[in-house]
Amino acid sequence: MVVLKSIGPVDRNAVESILRSTDFFYEFEIDTALGIFDETIEKGMEGSGYYWITIVDDDGLVAFANYGKNDFSTHSWDLYWIAVHNNSRNKKLGSVLLKAVEDDVRELGGKILWIETSGRPLYASTEAFYRRNGYELAASLREFYGPGDPMQIYRKEL
């Protein structure tokens, strides 16, 4: 397993495959992630403001995280995406990615990492993952994504 702070044009299909394999994301969310990917490839990480950390193993690209500085804060960063291919789950790759993101954000001057996720029952394991990694629930916005689908906002001081 290799952890890289990079993404390249050849990784687009793998990113899409990872997202689809999870069965967690709506189609428009996958389209948004791929749009962010395309913008990053076009402008670079610093130019786009979208940073990526990937995990590659013998199967190729199997996990990624995407994050960036919140333009409306002096020290807050947002985790936009973190996903592990369904075939590579339960190997602690999500925790490896999250720690790498936190370390990079800290190195880039960030003080707080914010995460927004769904509160649907499907996401119970996701919320448990964030709590296990030291995040606290800061807010819950009822019905945000749709009926019965709140936005859960987690935070961690780095």
C-alpha atoms as a PDB file:
ATOM      1  CA  MET A   1       0.000   0.000   0.000  1.00  0.00           C
ATOM      2  CA  VAL A   2       1.261   3.437  -0.977  1.00  0.00           C
ATOM      3  CA  VAL A   3      -0.254   6.751   0.161  1.00  0.00           C
ATOM      4  CA  LEU A   4       0.199   9.571  -2.351  1.00  0.00           C
ATOM      5  CA  LYS A   5      -0.687  13.250  -2.392  1.00  0.00           C
ATOM      6  CA  SER A   6      -1.502  13.185  -6.072  1.00  0.00           C
ATOM      7  CA  ILE A   7      -4.107  12.501  -8.708  1.00  0.00           C
ATOM      8  CA  GLY A   8      -3.639  12.138 -12.448  1.00  0.00           C
ATOM      9  CA  PRO A   9      -5.859  12.012 -15.536  1.00  0.00           C
ATOM     10  CA  VAL A  10      -5.570   8.211 -15.663  1.00  0.00           C
ATOM     11  CA  ASP A  11      -7.211   8.017 -12.198  1.00  0.00           C
ATOM     12  CA  ARG A  12     -10.631   9.331 -13.269  1.00  0.00           C
ATOM     13  CA  ASN A  13     -12.145   5.906 -13.990  1.00  0.00           C
ATOM     14  CA  ALA A  14     -10.814   4.538 -10.699  1.00  0.00           C
ATOM     15  CA  VAL A  15     -12.342   7.440  -8.735  1.00  0.00           C
ATOM     16  CA  GLU A  16     -15.700   6.812 -10.402  1.00  0.00           C
ATOM     17  CA  SER A  17     -15.407   3.065  -9.776  1.00  0.00           C
ATOM     18  CA  ILE A  18     -14.629   3.633  -6.087  1.00  0.00           C
ATOM     19  CA  LEU A  19     -17.645   5.908  -5.638  1.00  0.00           C
ATOM     20  CA  ARG A  20     -20.016   3.547  -7.463  1.00  0.00           C
ATOM     21  CA  SER A  21     -18.753   0.490  -5.566  1.00  0.00           C
ATOM     22  CA  THR A  22     -19.861   1.923  -2.214  1.00  0.00           C
ATOM     23  CA  ASP A  23     -23.578   2.249  -3.106  1.00  0.00           C
ATOM     24  CA  PHE A  24     -23.646   5.311  -0.836  1.00  0.00           C
ATOM     25  CA  PHE A  25     -23.784   8.185  -3.317  1.00  0.00           C
ATOM     26  CA  TYR A  26     -26.527   9.688  -5.453  1.00  0.00           C
ATOM     27  CA  GLU A  27     -25.750  10.035  -9.169  1.00  0.00           C
ATOM     28  CA  PHE A  28     -25.495  13.831  -8.874  1.00  0.00           C
ATOM     29  CA  GLU A  29     -22.939  13.415  -6.094  1.00  0.00           C
ATOM     30  CA  ILE A  30     -20.776  11.202  -8.305  1.00  0.00           C
ATOM     31  CA  ASP A  31     -21.074  13.783 -11.096  1.00  0.00           C
ATOM     32  CA  THR A  32     -19.986  16.504  -8.649  1.00  0.00           C
ATOM     33  CA  ALA A  33     -16.966  14.484  -7.504  1.00  0.00           C
ATOM     34  CA  LEU A  34     -15.909  13.895 -11.099  1.00  0.00           C
ATOM     35  CA  GLY A  35     -16.322  17.608 -11.822  1.00  0.00           C
ATOM     36  CA  ILE A  36     -13.999  18.382  -8.921  1.00  0.00           C
ATOM     37  CA  PHE A  37     -11.581  15.788 -10.265  1.00  0.00           C
ATOM     38  CA  ASP A  38     -11.657  17.392 -13.732  1.00  0.00           C
ATOM     39  CA  GLU A  39     -11.101  20.877 -12.300  1.00  0.00           C
ATOM     40  CA  THR A  40      -8.147  19.607 -10.268  1.00  0.00           C
ATOM     41  CA  ILE A  41      -6.588  18.023 -13.362  1.00  0.00           C
ATOM     42  CA  GLU A  42      -7.129  21.225 -15.349  1.00  0.00           C
ATOM     43  CA  LYS A  43      -5.868  23.718 -12.725  1.00  0.00           C
ATOM     44  CA  GLY A  44      -3.739  21.630 -10.367  1.00  0.00           C
ATOM     45  CA  MET A  45      -4.315  21.250  -6.645  1.00  0.00           C
ATOM     46  CA  GLU A  46      -3.242  24.724  -5.607  1.00  0.00           C
ATOM     47  CA  GLY A  47      -4.944  26.404  -8.562  1.00  0.00           C
ATOM     48  CA  SER A  48      -8.240  24.607  -7.995  1.00  0.00           C
ATOM     49  CA  GLY A  49      -8.091  24.572  -4.198  1.00  0.00           C
ATOM     50  CA  TYR A  50      -8.924  20.855  -4.257  1.00  0.00           C
ATOM     51  CA  TYR A  51      -6.337  18.597  -2.638  1.00  0.00           C
ATOM     52  CA  TRP A  52      -6.262  14.814  -3.072  1.00  0.00           C
ATOM     53  CA  ILE A  53      -4.687  11.938  -1.209  1.00  0.00           C
ATOM     54  CA  THR A  54      -4.894   8.495  -2.762  1.00  0.00           C
ATOM     55  CA  ILE A  55      -4.085   4.957  -1.747  1.00  0.00           C
ATOM     56  CA  VAL A  56      -2.688   2.563  -4.318  1.00  0.00           C
ATOM     57  CA  ASP A  57      -2.122  -1.145  -3.777  1.00  0.00           C
ATOM     58  CA  ASP A  58      -1.725  -4.194  -6.013  1.00  0.00           C
ATOM     59  CA  ASP A  59      -5.259  -3.570  -7.350  1.00  0.00           C
ATOM     60  CA  GLY A  60      -4.414   0.027  -8.340  1.00  0.00           C
ATOM     61  CA  LEU A  61      -6.136   3.108  -6.906  1.00  0.00           C
ATOM     62  CA  VAL A  62      -8.463   1.786  -4.177  1.00  0.00           C
ATOM     63  CA  ALA A  63      -9.197   4.804  -1.981  1.00  0.00           C
ATOM     64  CA  PHE A  64      -9.103   8.582  -2.060  1.00  0.00           C
ATOM     65  CA  ALA A  65      -9.827  11.696  -0.045  1.00  0.00           C
ATOM     66  CA  ASN A  66     -10.526  15.164  -1.404  1.00  0.00           C
ATOM     67  CA  TYR A  67     -10.387  18.308   0.735  1.00  0.00           C
ATOM     68  CA  GLY A  68      -9.765  22.038   0.616  1.00  0.00           C
ATOM     69  CA  LYS A  69      -9.507  25.250   2.585  1.00  0.00           C
ATOM     70  CA  ASN A  70     -12.782  26.968   3.336  1.00  0.00           C
ATOM     71  CA  ASP A  71     -12.536  30.360   1.621  1.00  0.00           C
ATOM     72  CA  PHE A  72     -14.728  31.972   4.295  1.00  0.00           C
ATOM     73  CA  SER A  73     -12.412  31.136   7.208  1.00  0.00           C
ATOM     74  CA  THR A  74      -8.883  31.891   8.248  1.00  0.00           C
ATOM     75  CA  HIS A  75      -8.225  28.365   9.518  1.00  0.00           C
ATOM     76  CA  SER A  76     -11.051  25.948   8.596  1.00  0.00           C
ATOM     77  CA  TRP A  77     -10.736  23.208   6.010  1.00  0.00           C
ATOM     78  CA  ASP A  78     -13.441  20.930   4.598  1.00  0.00           C
ATOM     79  CA  LEU A  79     -13.242  17.231   3.811  1.00  0.00           C
ATOM     80  CA  TYR A  80     -15.330  16.873   0.654  1.00  0.00           C
ATOM     81  CA  TRP A  81     -14.899  13.190  -0.146  1.00  0.00           C
ATOM     82  CA  ILE A  82     -13.417  10.138   1.434  1.00  0.00           C
ATOM     83  CA  ALA A  83     -14.114   6.804  -0.201  1.00  0.00           C
ATOM     84  CA  VAL A  84     -12.693   3.292  -0.206  1.00  0.00           C
ATOM     85  CA  HIS A  85     -13.521   0.765  -2.898  1.00  0.00           C
ATOM     86  CA  ASN A  86     -15.961  -1.797  -1.559  1.00  0.00           C
ATOM     87  CA  ASN A  87     -13.451  -4.586  -2.342  1.00  0.00           C
ATOM     88  CA  SER A  88     -10.893  -2.900  -0.041  1.00  0.00           C
ATOM     89  CA  ARG A  89     -13.111  -2.123   2.946  1.00  0.00           C
ATOM     90  CA  ASN A  90     -12.260  -3.216   6.497  1.00  0.00           C
ATOM     91  CA  LYS A  91      -8.526  -2.721   5.975  1.00  0.00           C
ATOM     92  CA  LYS A  92      -8.386   0.590   7.922  1.00  0.00           C
ATOM     93  CA  LEU A  93      -7.677   2.502   4.679  1.00  0.00           C
ATOM     94  CA  GLY A  94     -10.238   5.175   5.613  1.00  0.00           C
ATOM     95  CA  SER A  95      -8.385   5.873   8.855  1.00  0.00           C
ATOM     96  CA  VAL A  96      -5.061   6.008   6.995  1.00  0.00           C
ATOM     97  CA  LEU A  97      -6.546   8.521   4.535  1.00  0.00           C
ATOM     98  CA  LEU A  98      -8.150  10.648   7.242  1.00  0.00           C
ATOM     99  CA  LYS A  99      -4.887  10.839   9.209  1.00  0.00           C
ATOM    100  CA  ALA A 100      -2.988  11.829   6.038  1.00  0.00           C
ATOM    101  CA  VAL A 101      -5.562  14.562   5.335  1.00  0.00           C
ATOM    102  CA  GLU A 102      -5.333  15.859   8.904  1.00  0.00           C
ATOM    103  CA  ASP A 103      -1.528  15.922   8.744  1.00  0.00           C
ATOM    104  CA  ASP A 104      -1.568  17.784   5.426  1.00  0.00           C
ATOM    105  CA  VAL A 105      -4.178  20.302   6.573  1.00  0.00           C
ATOM    106  CA  ARG A 106      -2.152  20.934   9.736  1.00  0.00           C
ATOM    107  CA  GLU A 107       1.002  21.412   7.629  1.00  0.00           C
ATOM    108  CA  LEU A 108      -0.877  23.881   5.397  1.00  0.00           C
ATOM    109  CA  GLY A 109      -1.915  25.954   8.436  1.00  0.00           C
ATOM    110  CA  GLY A 110      -5.386  24.540   9.044  1.00  0.00           C
ATOM    111  CA  LYS A 111      -6.738  24.371  12.590  1.00  0.00           C
ATOM    112  CA  ILE A 112     -10.160  22.701  12.181  1.00  0.00           C
ATOM    113  CA  LEU A 113     -11.361  20.041   9.744  1.00  0.00           C
ATOM    114  CA  TRP A 114     -15.104  20.045   9.025  1.00  0.00           C
ATOM    115  CA  ILE A 115     -17.000  17.115   7.555  1.00  0.00           C
ATOM    116  CA  GLU A 116     -20.572  17.052   6.266  1.00  0.00           C
ATOM    117  CA  THR A 117     -22.314  13.711   5.842  1.00  0.00           C
ATOM    118  CA  SER A 118     -25.777  12.282   5.593  1.00  0.00           C
ATOM    119  CA  GLY A 119     -27.668  11.189   8.678  1.00  0.00           C
ATOM    120  CA  ARG A 120     -29.605   8.430   6.883  1.00  0.00           C
ATOM    121  CA  PRO A 121     -29.371   4.985   8.521  1.00  0.00           C
ATOM    122  CA  LEU A 122     -27.101   3.896   5.630  1.00  0.00           C
ATOM    123  CA  TYR A 123     -24.497   6.333   6.989  1.00  0.00           C
ATOM    124  CA  ALA A 124     -24.477   5.039  10.595  1.00  0.00           C
ATOM    125  CA  SER A 125     -21.133   3.309   9.984  1.00  0.00           C
ATOM    126  CA  THR A 126     -19.754   6.515   8.447  1.00  0.00           C
ATOM    127  CA  GLU A 127     -20.743   8.548  11.484  1.00  0.00           C
ATOM    128  CA  ALA A 128     -19.252   5.909  13.800  1.00  0.00           C
ATOM    129  CA  PHE A 129     -16.026   6.077  11.735  1.00  0.00           C
ATOM    130  CA  TYR A 130     -15.769   9.852  12.267  1.00  0.00           C
ATOM    131  CA  ARG A 131     -16.446   9.550  16.009  1.00  0.00           C
ATOM    132  CA  ARG A 132     -13.800   6.779  16.328  1.00  0.00           C
ATOM    133  CA  ASN A 133     -11.329   9.139  14.690  1.00  0.00           C
ATOM    134  CA  GLY A 134     -11.931  11.951  17.178  1.00  0.00           C
ATOM    135  CA  TYR A 135     -14.626  13.996  15.442  1.00  0.00           C
ATOM    136  CA  GLU A 136     -17.547  15.487  17.312  1.00  0.00           C
ATOM    137  CA  LEU A 137     -21.016  16.166  15.955  1.00  0.00           C
ATOM    138  CA  ALA A 138     -21.286  19.959  15.838  1.00  0.00           C
ATOM    139  CA  ALA A 139     -24.691  20.294  14.172  1.00  0.00           C
ATOM    140  CA  SER A 140     -27.506  18.373  12.548  1.00  0.00           C
ATOM    141  CA  LEU A 141     -29.641  20.071   9.890  1.00  0.00           C
ATOM    142  CA  ARG A 142     -32.952  18.212   9.638  1.00  0.00           C
ATOM    143  CA  GLU A 143     -34.297  17.304   6.212  1.00  0.00           C
ATOM    144  CA  PHE A 144     -31.302  18.976   4.508  1.00  0.00           C
ATOM    145  CA  TYR A 145     -30.654  16.432   1.741  1.00  0.00           C
ATOM    146  CA  GLY A 146     -34.266  15.292   1.542  1.00  0.00           C
ATOM    147  CA  PRO A 147     -37.094  13.916   3.676  1.00  0.00           C
ATOM    148  CA  GLY A 148     -35.581  11.969   6.560  1.00  0.00           C
ATOM    149  CA  ASP A 149     -32.042  12.820   5.421  1.00  0.00           C
ATOM    150  CA  PRO A 150     -30.309  15.323   7.721  1.00  0.00           C
ATOM    151  CA  MET A 151     -26.888  16.857   7.180  1.00  0.00           C
ATOM    152  CA  GLN A 152     -24.572  15.833   9.999  1.00  0.00           C
ATOM    153  CA  ILE A 153     -21.693  18.264  10.507  1.00  0.00           C
ATOM    154  CA  TYR A 154     -18.622  16.934  12.284  1.00  0.00           C
ATOM    155  CA  ARG A 155     -15.516  18.829  13.388  1.00  0.00           C
ATOM    156  CA  LYS A 156     -12.101  18.158  14.811  1.00  0.00           C
ATOM    157  CA  GLU A 157      -9.509  20.606  16.066  1.00  0.00           C
ATOM    158  CA  LEU A 158      -6.151  19.622  14.636  1.00  0.00           C
END
